[in-house]
Amino acid sequence: MVNVTSLVALAIATLAVSASAAPAPPRKCRTKAHVLPADMMTQPAPKPAPPAVPAPAPAPAAPSAPAPAPLPAPPSAPLPSAPLPSAPSAPGHFNGADCLATHNRLRLSEGQKALTYSAKLVAAAQNWANHLASISPADGGITLIHEGGPGENLYGGSGTLGNPSCADAINDWYAEKPTRGLHYTQIVWPTTTQVGCARATASHAGGATAIVVCRYDPPGNIF
């Protein structure tokens, strides 16, 4: 008779062997991710910078144009010529035509060029003649004072000589030729080209005093 206890024990042992011999069921497994510190994480390689484009070479500066040569100064305009009266002016036949003709006659005799008559010089001579007449003494005396500088001849007459013409004054100056007086040298000065003369009179108890002034340009007697 089979022992029940032995059978039960055998069955249990058989089950145990069967259980140990059965293959283990499959299991899913996930490896834990290993997170690197932020400063150790691999950064993507930066894109290479594009090659530098060389700046274009500056265009060579255009050569500066040479400075234009200065224009020559325009020739100075000649002094205006005074109109010459066609008829002698009273008193004493003093007029520009007489003054110019007498000067040029004497200059040509010395081999010098003829002068032209200048209105500007006439005006200056008239102003100075008026001044000298105004300061002449009331007794008929004559005051002859040069305004200053060369280029001026003066003549004075009173009493019977108180009405001189321009030729009277010029001929008196030219009479200094033997001594090379400065009145003479101014009349024939080589570089002088213009002349202008004027007369002023002052009345007094003895008659009249006349002053003749001639101006020259360029002035003479420059030594």
N, C-alpha and C. Protein backbone atom coordinates (compact mmCIF):
# COMPACT_ATOMS: atom_id res chain seq x y z
N MET A 1 0.86 -1.17 0.00
CA MET A 1 0.00 0.00 0.00
C MET A 1 0.88 1.20 0.00
N VAL A 2 0.59 1.99 -0.94
CA VAL A 2 1.45 3.22 -1.13
C VAL A 2 1.18 4.18 -0.02
N ASN A 3 2.26 4.71 0.48
CA ASN A 3 2.17 5.71 1.55
C ASN A 3 1.81 7.04 0.92
N VAL A 4 0.68 7.57 1.43
CA VAL A 4 0.17 8.85 0.89
C VAL A 4 1.15 9.95 1.15
N THR A 5 1.74 9.90 2.23
CA THR A 5 2.69 10.97 2.57
C THR A 5 3.83 10.97 1.63
N SER A 6 4.30 9.79 1.23
CA SER A 6 5.43 9.72 0.29
C SER A 6 5.03 10.23 -1.05
N LEU A 7 3.80 9.97 -1.49
CA LEU A 7 3.36 10.46 -2.79
C LEU A 7 3.29 11.96 -2.82
N VAL A 8 2.79 12.50 -1.77
CA VAL A 8 2.69 13.98 -1.71
C VAL A 8 4.06 14.61 -1.78
N ALA A 9 4.99 13.95 -1.05
CA ALA A 9 6.35 14.51 -1.04
C ALA A 9 6.96 14.42 -2.41
N LEU A 10 6.68 13.31 -3.10
CA LEU A 10 7.25 13.16 -4.45
C LEU A 10 6.66 14.18 -5.41
N ALA A 11 5.38 14.43 -5.29
CA ALA A 11 4.76 15.41 -6.19
C ALA A 11 5.32 16.78 -5.99
N ILE A 12 5.52 17.10 -4.75
CA ILE A 12 6.08 18.44 -4.45
C ILE A 12 7.46 18.56 -5.00
N ALA A 13 8.25 17.48 -4.90
CA ALA A 13 9.63 17.52 -5.41
C ALA A 13 9.62 17.64 -6.90
N THR A 14 8.67 16.90 -7.53
CA THR A 14 8.60 16.98 -9.00
C THR A 14 8.25 18.37 -9.45
N LEU A 15 7.34 19.02 -8.78
CA LEU A 15 6.95 20.40 -9.11
C LEU A 15 8.11 21.34 -8.92
N ALA A 16 8.87 21.07 -7.88
CA ALA A 16 10.01 21.97 -7.62
C ALA A 16 11.03 21.86 -8.71
N VAL A 17 11.26 20.60 -9.17
CA VAL A 17 12.25 20.43 -10.25
C VAL A 17 11.75 21.08 -11.52
N SER A 18 10.44 20.86 -11.77
CA SER A 18 9.88 21.47 -12.99
C SER A 18 9.97 22.98 -12.95
N ALA A 19 9.68 23.48 -11.76
CA ALA A 19 9.74 24.96 -11.66
C ALA A 19 11.13 25.48 -11.85
N SER A 20 12.11 24.76 -11.34
CA SER A 20 13.49 25.26 -11.48
C SER A 20 14.00 25.11 -12.89
N ALA A 21 13.45 24.15 -13.62
CA ALA A 21 13.91 23.94 -14.99
C ALA A 21 13.25 24.86 -15.97
N ALA A 22 12.16 25.53 -15.65
CA ALA A 22 11.45 26.43 -16.60
C ALA A 22 12.24 27.68 -16.83
N PRO A 23 12.33 28.18 -18.07
CA PRO A 23 13.09 29.42 -18.38
C PRO A 23 12.44 30.62 -17.77
N ALA A 24 13.29 31.59 -17.36
CA ALA A 24 12.79 32.83 -16.75
C ALA A 24 12.14 33.66 -17.82
N PRO A 25 11.03 34.33 -17.50
CA PRO A 25 10.35 35.18 -18.48
C PRO A 25 11.20 36.38 -18.83
N PRO A 26 11.10 36.95 -20.06
CA PRO A 26 11.90 38.14 -20.45
C PRO A 26 11.47 39.37 -19.67
N ARG A 27 12.45 40.29 -19.41
CA ARG A 27 12.17 41.53 -18.67
C ARG A 27 12.74 42.70 -19.47
N LYS A 28 12.00 43.78 -19.43
CA LYS A 28 12.49 45.01 -20.04
C LYS A 28 13.47 45.66 -19.09
N CYS A 29 14.47 46.29 -19.68
CA CYS A 29 15.50 46.97 -18.86
C CYS A 29 15.88 48.28 -19.53
N ARG A 30 16.05 49.40 -18.80
CA ARG A 30 16.46 50.73 -19.33
C ARG A 30 17.66 51.21 -18.55
N THR A 31 18.68 51.49 -19.29
CA THR A 31 19.88 52.00 -18.62
C THR A 31 19.65 53.46 -18.20
N LYS A 32 20.01 53.76 -16.98
CA LYS A 32 19.84 55.13 -16.47
C LYS A 32 20.77 56.09 -17.24
N ALA A 33 20.15 57.13 -17.75
CA ALA A 33 20.96 58.11 -18.52
C ALA A 33 21.97 58.82 -17.63
N HIS A 34 23.20 59.00 -18.15
CA HIS A 34 24.25 59.70 -17.38
C HIS A 34 24.34 61.13 -17.91
N VAL A 35 23.88 62.05 -17.10
CA VAL A 35 23.84 63.47 -17.52
C VAL A 35 25.14 64.15 -17.15
N LEU A 36 25.83 64.72 -18.17
CA LEU A 36 27.08 65.45 -17.91
C LEU A 36 26.77 66.86 -17.40
N PRO A 37 27.66 67.39 -16.60
CA PRO A 37 27.47 68.80 -16.18
C PRO A 37 27.41 69.70 -17.42
N ALA A 38 26.74 70.82 -17.22
CA ALA A 38 26.55 71.74 -18.36
C ALA A 38 27.85 72.19 -18.97
N ASP A 39 28.88 72.42 -18.08
CA ASP A 39 30.14 72.93 -18.62
C ASP A 39 30.94 71.87 -19.33
N MET A 40 30.49 70.59 -19.24
CA MET A 40 31.21 69.52 -19.90
C MET A 40 30.48 69.03 -21.12
N MET A 41 29.30 69.58 -21.37
CA MET A 41 28.56 69.12 -22.53
C MET A 41 29.25 69.61 -23.79
N THR A 42 29.24 68.81 -24.76
CA THR A 42 29.91 69.16 -26.03
C THR A 42 29.08 70.18 -26.79
N GLN A 43 29.69 71.36 -27.07
CA GLN A 43 29.01 72.39 -27.85
C GLN A 43 29.25 72.14 -29.32
N PRO A 44 28.26 72.49 -30.13
CA PRO A 44 28.49 72.30 -31.58
C PRO A 44 29.61 73.23 -32.06
N ALA A 45 30.42 72.71 -32.90
CA ALA A 45 31.56 73.50 -33.41
C ALA A 45 31.04 74.74 -34.14
N PRO A 46 31.60 75.92 -33.81
CA PRO A 46 31.12 77.13 -34.50
C PRO A 46 31.45 77.07 -35.98
N LYS A 47 30.56 77.69 -36.74
CA LYS A 47 30.82 77.74 -38.18
C LYS A 47 32.04 78.62 -38.45
N PRO A 48 32.85 78.19 -39.33
CA PRO A 48 34.04 79.03 -39.62
C PRO A 48 33.63 80.39 -40.17
N ALA A 49 34.34 81.42 -39.67
CA ALA A 49 34.04 82.78 -40.16
C ALA A 49 34.38 82.88 -41.63
N PRO A 50 33.55 83.60 -42.36
CA PRO A 50 33.86 83.73 -43.80
C PRO A 50 35.18 84.49 -43.97
N PRO A 51 35.92 84.12 -44.95
CA PRO A 51 37.21 84.82 -45.15
C PRO A 51 37.00 86.32 -45.33
N ALA A 52 37.88 87.08 -44.69
CA ALA A 52 37.76 88.54 -44.78
C ALA A 52 38.02 88.99 -46.20
N VAL A 53 37.12 89.83 -46.64
CA VAL A 53 37.30 90.39 -47.99
C VAL A 53 38.18 91.62 -47.87
N PRO A 54 39.31 91.62 -48.50
CA PRO A 54 40.19 92.80 -48.36
C PRO A 54 39.51 94.06 -48.89
N ALA A 55 39.70 95.15 -48.14
CA ALA A 55 39.12 96.42 -48.59
C ALA A 55 39.77 96.84 -49.89
N PRO A 56 38.97 97.37 -50.78
CA PRO A 56 39.58 97.78 -52.06
C PRO A 56 40.61 98.89 -51.84
N ALA A 57 41.68 98.79 -52.54
CA ALA A 57 42.73 99.81 -52.42
C ALA A 57 42.17 101.16 -52.85
N PRO A 58 42.48 102.22 -52.08
CA PRO A 58 41.96 103.54 -52.48
C PRO A 58 42.51 103.95 -53.83
N ALA A 59 41.62 104.56 -54.57
CA ALA A 59 42.05 105.02 -55.90
C ALA A 59 43.12 106.08 -55.74
N PRO A 60 44.13 106.04 -56.54
CA PRO A 60 45.18 107.07 -56.42
C PRO A 60 44.61 108.45 -56.63
N ALA A 61 45.04 109.36 -55.75
CA ALA A 61 44.53 110.74 -55.86
C ALA A 61 44.97 111.34 -57.19
N ALA A 62 44.03 112.04 -57.78
CA ALA A 62 44.36 112.69 -59.05
C ALA A 62 45.40 113.76 -58.79
N PRO A 63 46.40 113.83 -59.61
CA PRO A 63 47.43 114.87 -59.38
C PRO A 63 46.80 116.25 -59.40
N SER A 64 47.17 117.02 -58.38
CA SER A 64 46.60 118.37 -58.30
C SER A 64 47.09 119.20 -59.47
N ALA A 65 46.14 119.93 -59.99
CA ALA A 65 46.50 120.79 -61.13
C ALA A 65 47.43 121.89 -60.65
N PRO A 66 48.44 122.19 -61.40
CA PRO A 66 49.34 123.28 -60.97
C PRO A 66 48.59 124.59 -60.86
N ALA A 67 48.97 125.36 -59.83
CA ALA A 67 48.31 126.66 -59.63
C ALA A 67 48.55 127.53 -60.85
N PRO A 68 47.48 128.17 -61.31
CA PRO A 68 47.68 129.02 -62.50
C PRO A 68 48.61 130.17 -62.20
N ALA A 69 49.39 130.51 -63.15
CA ALA A 69 50.31 131.63 -62.98
C ALA A 69 49.51 132.90 -62.75
N PRO A 70 49.96 133.73 -61.79
CA PRO A 70 49.20 134.97 -61.54
C PRO A 70 49.17 135.84 -62.78
N LEU A 71 48.01 136.41 -62.97
CA LEU A 71 47.86 137.28 -64.13
C LEU A 71 48.65 138.56 -63.92
N PRO A 72 49.27 139.05 -64.92
CA PRO A 72 50.01 140.32 -64.75
C PRO A 72 49.05 141.44 -64.41
N ALA A 73 49.53 142.31 -63.54
CA ALA A 73 48.69 143.44 -63.15
C ALA A 73 48.38 144.29 -64.37
N PRO A 74 47.12 144.68 -64.48
CA PRO A 74 46.77 145.50 -65.65
C PRO A 74 47.53 146.82 -65.61
N PRO A 75 47.93 147.29 -66.73
CA PRO A 75 48.66 148.57 -66.74
C PRO A 75 47.80 149.68 -66.16
N SER A 76 48.45 150.49 -65.36
CA SER A 76 47.71 151.58 -64.75
C SER A 76 47.22 152.54 -65.83
N ALA A 77 45.99 152.96 -65.64
CA ALA A 77 45.40 153.87 -66.62
C ALA A 77 46.11 155.22 -66.56
N PRO A 78 46.41 155.79 -67.67
CA PRO A 78 47.06 157.11 -67.65
C PRO A 78 46.13 158.15 -67.05
N LEU A 79 46.74 159.12 -66.46
CA LEU A 79 45.96 160.20 -65.89
C LEU A 79 45.18 160.90 -67.00
N PRO A 80 43.95 161.31 -66.72
CA PRO A 80 43.15 161.94 -67.77
C PRO A 80 43.79 163.24 -68.23
N SER A 81 43.67 163.48 -69.48
CA SER A 81 44.22 164.71 -70.03
C SER A 81 43.21 165.84 -69.90
N ALA A 82 43.71 167.00 -69.55
CA ALA A 82 42.83 168.15 -69.42
C ALA A 82 42.51 168.70 -70.80
N PRO A 83 41.28 169.12 -71.01
CA PRO A 83 40.96 169.74 -72.30
C PRO A 83 41.72 171.05 -72.45
N LEU A 84 42.25 171.26 -73.61
CA LEU A 84 43.02 172.47 -73.86
C LEU A 84 42.11 173.52 -74.49
N PRO A 85 41.97 174.68 -73.87
CA PRO A 85 41.12 175.72 -74.46
C PRO A 85 41.69 176.20 -75.77
N SER A 86 40.82 176.47 -76.72
CA SER A 86 41.27 176.90 -78.04
C SER A 86 41.62 178.38 -78.07
N ALA A 87 41.11 179.14 -77.12
CA ALA A 87 41.40 180.58 -77.09
C ALA A 87 42.05 180.93 -75.76
N PRO A 88 42.95 181.90 -75.75
CA PRO A 88 43.59 182.30 -74.49
C PRO A 88 42.54 182.76 -73.50
N SER A 89 42.80 182.45 -72.24
CA SER A 89 41.87 182.86 -71.19
C SER A 89 42.43 184.10 -70.50
N ALA A 90 41.62 185.08 -70.29
CA ALA A 90 42.04 186.31 -69.60
C ALA A 90 42.02 186.06 -68.10
N PRO A 91 42.85 186.74 -67.32
CA PRO A 91 43.84 187.72 -67.80
C PRO A 91 45.18 187.06 -68.09
N GLY A 92 46.03 187.74 -68.76
CA GLY A 92 47.40 187.28 -68.98
C GLY A 92 47.54 186.14 -69.94
N HIS A 93 46.53 185.86 -70.71
CA HIS A 93 46.62 184.78 -71.70
C HIS A 93 47.12 183.48 -71.07
N PHE A 94 46.61 183.15 -69.89
CA PHE A 94 47.05 181.93 -69.20
C PHE A 94 46.10 180.79 -69.57
N ASN A 95 46.61 179.81 -70.29
CA ASN A 95 45.76 178.67 -70.66
C ASN A 95 46.61 177.42 -70.83
N GLY A 96 45.92 176.28 -70.82
CA GLY A 96 46.63 175.01 -70.89
C GLY A 96 47.42 174.81 -72.17
N ALA A 97 46.87 175.27 -73.30
CA ALA A 97 47.57 175.10 -74.57
C ALA A 97 48.91 175.83 -74.55
N ASP A 98 48.92 177.02 -73.97
CA ASP A 98 50.16 177.80 -73.87
C ASP A 98 51.17 177.08 -72.98
N CYS A 99 50.69 176.57 -71.84
CA CYS A 99 51.58 175.86 -70.90
C CYS A 99 52.21 174.64 -71.56
N LEU A 100 51.38 173.83 -72.23
CA LEU A 100 51.89 172.59 -72.83
C LEU A 100 52.82 172.89 -74.00
N ALA A 101 52.43 173.82 -74.84
CA ALA A 101 53.26 174.12 -76.02
C ALA A 101 54.63 174.65 -75.62
N THR A 102 54.67 175.50 -74.60
CA THR A 102 55.96 176.06 -74.17
C THR A 102 56.85 174.97 -73.59
N HIS A 103 56.29 174.12 -72.76
CA HIS A 103 57.07 173.01 -72.20
C HIS A 103 57.65 172.13 -73.31
N ASN A 104 56.80 171.73 -74.25
CA ASN A 104 57.25 170.79 -75.28
C ASN A 104 58.26 171.42 -76.24
N ARG A 105 58.11 172.70 -76.50
CA ARG A 105 59.10 173.37 -77.37
C ARG A 105 60.48 173.31 -76.73
N LEU A 106 60.55 173.59 -75.44
CA LEU A 106 61.84 173.58 -74.74
C LEU A 106 62.37 172.15 -74.57
N ARG A 107 61.51 171.20 -74.29
CA ARG A 107 61.96 169.81 -74.12
C ARG A 107 62.50 169.24 -75.44
N LEU A 108 61.79 169.52 -76.54
CA LEU A 108 62.25 168.99 -77.82
C LEU A 108 63.60 169.59 -78.21
N SER A 109 63.84 170.83 -77.79
CA SER A 109 65.14 171.44 -78.09
C SER A 109 66.26 170.76 -77.31
N GLU A 110 65.89 170.04 -76.25
CA GLU A 110 66.88 169.32 -75.43
C GLU A 110 66.90 167.82 -75.77
N GLY A 111 66.12 167.43 -76.79
CA GLY A 111 66.09 166.02 -77.17
C GLY A 111 65.21 165.16 -76.28
N GLN A 112 64.29 165.77 -75.52
CA GLN A 112 63.40 165.00 -74.65
C GLN A 112 62.02 164.87 -75.29
N LYS A 113 61.28 163.86 -74.83
CA LYS A 113 59.95 163.59 -75.38
C LYS A 113 58.95 164.65 -74.94
N ALA A 114 57.93 164.84 -75.78
CA ALA A 114 56.88 165.81 -75.45
C ALA A 114 56.02 165.29 -74.30
N LEU A 115 55.43 166.21 -73.55
CA LEU A 115 54.55 165.87 -72.42
C LEU A 115 53.09 165.89 -72.87
N THR A 116 52.23 165.30 -72.05
CA THR A 116 50.78 165.43 -72.23
C THR A 116 50.25 166.25 -71.06
N TYR A 117 49.06 166.83 -71.26
CA TYR A 117 48.49 167.71 -70.24
C TYR A 117 47.50 166.92 -69.39
N SER A 118 47.64 167.02 -68.06
CA SER A 118 46.85 166.21 -67.13
C SER A 118 45.87 167.05 -66.33
N ALA A 119 44.59 166.67 -66.40
CA ALA A 119 43.57 167.37 -65.61
C ALA A 119 43.80 167.19 -64.12
N LYS A 120 44.29 166.02 -63.73
CA LYS A 120 44.54 165.77 -62.31
C LYS A 120 45.64 166.69 -61.79
N LEU A 121 46.69 166.86 -62.58
CA LEU A 121 47.78 167.75 -62.16
C LEU A 121 47.34 169.21 -62.17
N VAL A 122 46.48 169.57 -63.12
CA VAL A 122 45.95 170.94 -63.15
C VAL A 122 45.18 171.24 -61.87
N ALA A 123 44.33 170.30 -61.45
CA ALA A 123 43.53 170.51 -60.23
C ALA A 123 44.42 170.66 -59.00
N ALA A 124 45.45 169.81 -58.91
CA ALA A 124 46.36 169.90 -57.76
C ALA A 124 47.13 171.22 -57.78
N ALA A 125 47.57 171.63 -58.95
CA ALA A 125 48.30 172.90 -59.07
C ALA A 125 47.40 174.08 -58.71
N GLN A 126 46.13 174.02 -59.14
CA GLN A 126 45.21 175.12 -58.84
C GLN A 126 44.96 175.25 -57.34
N ASN A 127 44.79 174.13 -56.66
CA ASN A 127 44.56 174.18 -55.21
C ASN A 127 45.74 174.83 -54.49
N TRP A 128 46.95 174.47 -54.90
CA TRP A 128 48.12 175.02 -54.21
C TRP A 128 48.33 176.49 -54.58
N ALA A 129 48.07 176.84 -55.81
CA ALA A 129 48.20 178.25 -56.21
C ALA A 129 47.21 179.12 -55.44
N ASN A 130 45.99 178.63 -55.27
CA ASN A 130 45.00 179.38 -54.49
C ASN A 130 45.47 179.58 -53.05
N HIS A 131 46.06 178.53 -52.49
CA HIS A 131 46.54 178.63 -51.10
C HIS A 131 47.65 179.67 -50.99
N LEU A 132 48.61 179.63 -51.90
CA LEU A 132 49.72 180.59 -51.83
C LEU A 132 49.24 182.02 -52.03
N ALA A 133 48.28 182.21 -52.91
CA ALA A 133 47.74 183.56 -53.11
C ALA A 133 47.03 184.05 -51.86
N SER A 134 46.38 183.14 -51.15
CA SER A 134 45.62 183.54 -49.96
C SER A 134 46.53 183.93 -48.80
N ILE A 135 47.76 183.44 -48.78
CA ILE A 135 48.65 183.76 -47.65
C ILE A 135 49.70 184.81 -48.04
N SER A 136 49.62 185.33 -49.25
CA SER A 136 50.58 186.36 -49.66
C SER A 136 50.30 187.66 -48.90
N PRO A 137 51.34 188.39 -48.53
CA PRO A 137 51.15 189.63 -47.76
C PRO A 137 50.30 190.65 -48.51
N ALA A 138 49.58 191.43 -47.75
CA ALA A 138 48.68 192.44 -48.34
C ALA A 138 49.44 193.59 -48.99
N ASP A 139 50.74 193.72 -48.70
CA ASP A 139 51.50 194.83 -49.28
C ASP A 139 52.05 194.49 -50.66
N GLY A 140 51.67 193.34 -51.19
CA GLY A 140 52.13 192.98 -52.53
C GLY A 140 53.28 192.00 -52.52
N GLY A 141 53.68 191.55 -51.35
CA GLY A 141 54.75 190.56 -51.27
C GLY A 141 54.28 189.21 -51.84
N ILE A 142 55.24 188.35 -52.07
CA ILE A 142 54.94 187.03 -52.66
C ILE A 142 55.43 185.94 -51.73
N THR A 143 54.60 184.98 -51.48
CA THR A 143 54.97 183.83 -50.65
C THR A 143 54.98 182.59 -51.54
N LEU A 144 56.19 182.04 -51.74
CA LEU A 144 56.34 180.83 -52.55
C LEU A 144 56.87 179.70 -51.65
N ILE A 145 56.03 178.74 -51.39
CA ILE A 145 56.39 177.60 -50.55
C ILE A 145 55.99 176.32 -51.30
N HIS A 146 56.93 175.41 -51.43
CA HIS A 146 56.60 174.13 -52.08
C HIS A 146 55.73 173.29 -51.15
N GLU A 147 54.77 172.62 -51.76
CA GLU A 147 53.87 171.78 -50.95
C GLU A 147 54.62 170.59 -50.36
N GLY A 148 55.67 170.21 -50.98
CA GLY A 148 56.46 169.09 -50.46
C GLY A 148 56.78 168.11 -51.56
N GLY A 149 58.05 167.67 -51.58
CA GLY A 149 58.44 166.70 -52.58
C GLY A 149 58.78 167.34 -53.90
N PRO A 150 59.37 166.54 -54.80
CA PRO A 150 59.74 167.06 -56.13
C PRO A 150 58.52 167.12 -57.04
N GLY A 151 58.77 167.53 -58.26
CA GLY A 151 57.70 167.56 -59.25
C GLY A 151 56.87 168.82 -59.22
N GLU A 152 57.44 169.94 -58.81
CA GLU A 152 56.67 171.18 -58.72
C GLU A 152 57.56 172.39 -58.99
N ASN A 153 57.10 173.28 -59.85
CA ASN A 153 57.76 174.56 -60.10
C ASN A 153 56.81 175.69 -59.71
N LEU A 154 57.36 176.73 -59.06
CA LEU A 154 56.56 177.87 -58.60
C LEU A 154 57.10 179.17 -59.21
N TYR A 155 56.17 180.08 -59.46
CA TYR A 155 56.54 181.40 -59.98
C TYR A 155 55.57 182.43 -59.40
N GLY A 156 56.10 183.60 -59.04
CA GLY A 156 55.25 184.65 -58.51
C GLY A 156 55.60 186.00 -59.11
N GLY A 157 54.60 186.83 -59.31
CA GLY A 157 54.84 188.18 -59.82
C GLY A 157 53.82 189.13 -59.24
N SER A 158 54.25 190.36 -59.03
CA SER A 158 53.33 191.37 -58.50
C SER A 158 53.64 192.71 -59.16
N GLY A 159 52.77 193.67 -58.90
CA GLY A 159 52.95 194.99 -59.53
C GLY A 159 52.79 194.86 -61.03
N THR A 160 53.81 195.33 -61.75
CA THR A 160 53.74 195.25 -63.21
C THR A 160 53.89 193.82 -63.71
N LEU A 161 54.35 192.92 -62.85
CA LEU A 161 54.50 191.50 -63.22
C LEU A 161 53.36 190.66 -62.64
N GLY A 162 52.30 191.31 -62.23
CA GLY A 162 51.21 190.60 -61.57
C GLY A 162 50.22 189.94 -62.50
N ASN A 163 50.54 189.90 -63.79
CA ASN A 163 49.62 189.28 -64.73
C ASN A 163 50.41 188.38 -65.71
N PRO A 164 51.21 187.44 -65.18
CA PRO A 164 52.07 186.64 -66.06
C PRO A 164 51.28 185.59 -66.83
N SER A 165 51.76 185.29 -68.03
CA SER A 165 51.20 184.16 -68.77
C SER A 165 51.94 182.90 -68.32
N CYS A 166 51.46 181.76 -68.79
CA CYS A 166 52.15 180.51 -68.45
C CYS A 166 53.54 180.49 -69.08
N ALA A 167 53.64 181.01 -70.30
CA ALA A 167 54.94 181.04 -70.98
C ALA A 167 55.93 181.92 -70.22
N ASP A 168 55.43 183.02 -69.60
CA ASP A 168 56.32 183.89 -68.82
C ASP A 168 56.99 183.09 -67.70
N ALA A 169 56.19 182.30 -66.99
CA ALA A 169 56.72 181.53 -65.86
C ALA A 169 57.69 180.45 -66.36
N ILE A 170 57.32 179.72 -67.41
CA ILE A 170 58.16 178.61 -67.89
C ILE A 170 59.49 179.13 -68.43
N ASN A 171 59.44 180.22 -69.17
CA ASN A 171 60.69 180.77 -69.72
C ASN A 171 61.60 181.27 -68.61
N ASP A 172 61.02 181.80 -67.53
CA ASP A 172 61.83 182.24 -66.40
C ASP A 172 62.52 181.04 -65.75
N TRP A 173 61.82 179.92 -65.61
CA TRP A 173 62.43 178.71 -65.04
C TRP A 173 63.54 178.17 -65.95
N TYR A 174 63.26 178.18 -67.25
CA TYR A 174 64.24 177.62 -68.20
C TYR A 174 65.52 178.45 -68.24
N ALA A 175 65.41 179.72 -67.85
CA ALA A 175 66.59 180.59 -67.86
C ALA A 175 67.65 180.14 -66.86
N GLU A 176 67.32 179.18 -66.00
CA GLU A 176 68.29 178.66 -65.04
C GLU A 176 69.22 177.62 -65.67
N LYS A 177 69.08 177.39 -66.97
CA LYS A 177 69.88 176.35 -67.62
C LYS A 177 71.39 176.49 -67.38
N PRO A 178 71.98 177.70 -67.46
CA PRO A 178 73.43 177.79 -67.26
C PRO A 178 73.89 177.25 -65.92
N THR A 179 73.06 177.38 -64.92
CA THR A 179 73.46 176.91 -63.58
C THR A 179 72.82 175.56 -63.23
N ARG A 180 72.12 174.96 -64.21
CA ARG A 180 71.42 173.70 -63.96
C ARG A 180 70.50 173.80 -62.75
N GLY A 181 69.79 174.93 -62.67
CA GLY A 181 68.83 175.11 -61.58
C GLY A 181 67.73 174.05 -61.62
N LEU A 182 67.13 173.81 -60.46
CA LEU A 182 66.15 172.73 -60.36
C LEU A 182 64.86 173.01 -61.12
N HIS A 183 64.53 174.30 -61.34
CA HIS A 183 63.37 174.59 -62.18
C HIS A 183 63.63 174.13 -63.62
N TYR A 184 64.84 174.43 -64.09
CA TYR A 184 65.21 174.03 -65.45
C TYR A 184 65.24 172.50 -65.58
N THR A 185 65.89 171.82 -64.64
CA THR A 185 66.02 170.37 -64.75
C THR A 185 64.65 169.68 -64.69
N GLN A 186 63.71 170.27 -63.96
CA GLN A 186 62.38 169.66 -63.93
C GLN A 186 61.68 169.78 -65.28
N ILE A 187 61.85 170.91 -65.95
CA ILE A 187 61.22 171.08 -67.26
C ILE A 187 61.70 170.02 -68.25
N VAL A 188 62.99 169.69 -68.22
CA VAL A 188 63.56 168.78 -69.23
C VAL A 188 63.84 167.38 -68.65
N TRP A 189 63.27 167.07 -67.50
CA TRP A 189 63.57 165.77 -66.88
C TRP A 189 63.13 164.62 -67.80
N PRO A 190 64.02 163.64 -68.07
CA PRO A 190 63.72 162.62 -69.09
C PRO A 190 62.51 161.74 -68.80
N THR A 191 62.27 161.38 -67.54
CA THR A 191 61.19 160.42 -67.25
C THR A 191 59.84 161.08 -67.00
N THR A 192 59.79 162.38 -66.97
CA THR A 192 58.50 163.07 -66.79
C THR A 192 57.68 162.93 -68.08
N THR A 193 56.39 162.62 -67.93
CA THR A 193 55.52 162.43 -69.10
C THR A 193 54.29 163.33 -69.10
N GLN A 194 53.94 163.92 -67.94
CA GLN A 194 52.73 164.73 -67.86
C GLN A 194 52.99 166.01 -67.08
N VAL A 195 52.20 167.03 -67.40
CA VAL A 195 52.31 168.32 -66.73
C VAL A 195 50.92 168.92 -66.60
N GLY A 196 50.75 169.76 -65.59
CA GLY A 196 49.51 170.50 -65.40
C GLY A 196 49.83 171.78 -64.66
N CYS A 197 49.33 172.92 -65.13
CA CYS A 197 49.67 174.22 -64.54
C CYS A 197 48.42 175.02 -64.21
N ALA A 198 48.56 175.92 -63.24
CA ALA A 198 47.44 176.78 -62.83
C ALA A 198 47.99 178.08 -62.28
N ARG A 199 47.11 179.09 -62.23
CA ARG A 199 47.50 180.39 -61.70
C ARG A 199 46.41 180.90 -60.78
N ALA A 200 46.83 181.63 -59.73
CA ALA A 200 45.88 182.28 -58.82
C ALA A 200 46.40 183.69 -58.56
N THR A 201 45.49 184.62 -58.36
CA THR A 201 45.87 186.01 -58.11
C THR A 201 45.23 186.52 -56.82
N ALA A 202 45.90 187.48 -56.22
CA ALA A 202 45.37 188.13 -55.03
C ALA A 202 45.53 189.63 -55.22
N SER A 203 44.45 190.35 -55.02
CA SER A 203 44.48 191.81 -55.18
C SER A 203 44.95 192.47 -53.89
N HIS A 204 45.65 193.58 -54.03
CA HIS A 204 46.09 194.35 -52.87
C HIS A 204 46.20 195.82 -53.30
N ALA A 205 46.60 196.66 -52.38
CA ALA A 205 46.63 198.10 -52.66
C ALA A 205 47.55 198.46 -53.82
N GLY A 206 48.62 197.68 -53.96
CA GLY A 206 49.58 197.99 -55.02
C GLY A 206 49.22 197.36 -56.35
N GLY A 207 48.17 196.63 -56.43
CA GLY A 207 47.81 195.99 -57.69
C GLY A 207 47.37 194.55 -57.46
N ALA A 208 48.16 193.62 -57.98
CA ALA A 208 47.80 192.20 -57.85
C ALA A 208 49.06 191.36 -57.71
N THR A 209 48.92 190.27 -57.05
CA THR A 209 49.98 189.27 -56.95
C THR A 209 49.50 188.01 -57.64
N ALA A 210 50.33 187.47 -58.50
CA ALA A 210 49.96 186.25 -59.23
C ALA A 210 50.93 185.12 -58.87
N ILE A 211 50.40 183.95 -58.68
CA ILE A 211 51.18 182.75 -58.38
C ILE A 211 50.92 181.73 -59.48
N VAL A 212 51.99 181.21 -60.09
CA VAL A 212 51.88 180.15 -61.09
C VAL A 212 52.50 178.88 -60.51
N VAL A 213 51.75 177.79 -60.61
CA VAL A 213 52.22 176.48 -60.12
C VAL A 213 52.10 175.48 -61.26
N CYS A 214 53.18 174.75 -61.52
CA CYS A 214 53.14 173.64 -62.47
C CYS A 214 53.52 172.36 -61.73
N ARG A 215 52.75 171.31 -61.97
CA ARG A 215 53.02 170.00 -61.37
C ARG A 215 53.43 169.03 -62.48
N TYR A 216 54.33 168.10 -62.13
CA TYR A 216 54.89 167.16 -63.10
C TYR A 216 54.76 165.72 -62.59
N ASP A 217 54.51 164.79 -63.53
CA ASP A 217 54.41 163.38 -63.17
C ASP A 217 54.97 162.52 -64.31
N PRO A 218 55.82 161.56 -64.01
CA PRO A 218 56.50 161.36 -62.73
C PRO A 218 57.37 162.57 -62.40
N PRO A 219 57.56 162.81 -61.13
CA PRO A 219 58.33 163.99 -60.74
C PRO A 219 59.79 163.88 -61.17
N GLY A 220 60.37 165.02 -61.42
CA GLY A 220 61.79 165.06 -61.75
C GLY A 220 62.63 165.38 -60.53
N ASN A 221 63.90 165.67 -60.80
CA ASN A 221 64.85 166.01 -59.73
C ASN A 221 64.96 164.89 -58.69
N ILE A 222 64.92 163.64 -59.15
CA ILE A 222 65.13 162.49 -58.28
C ILE A 222 66.58 162.06 -58.48
N PHE A 223 67.41 162.33 -57.51
CA PHE A 223 68.84 162.05 -57.66
C PHE A 223 69.23 160.88 -56.77
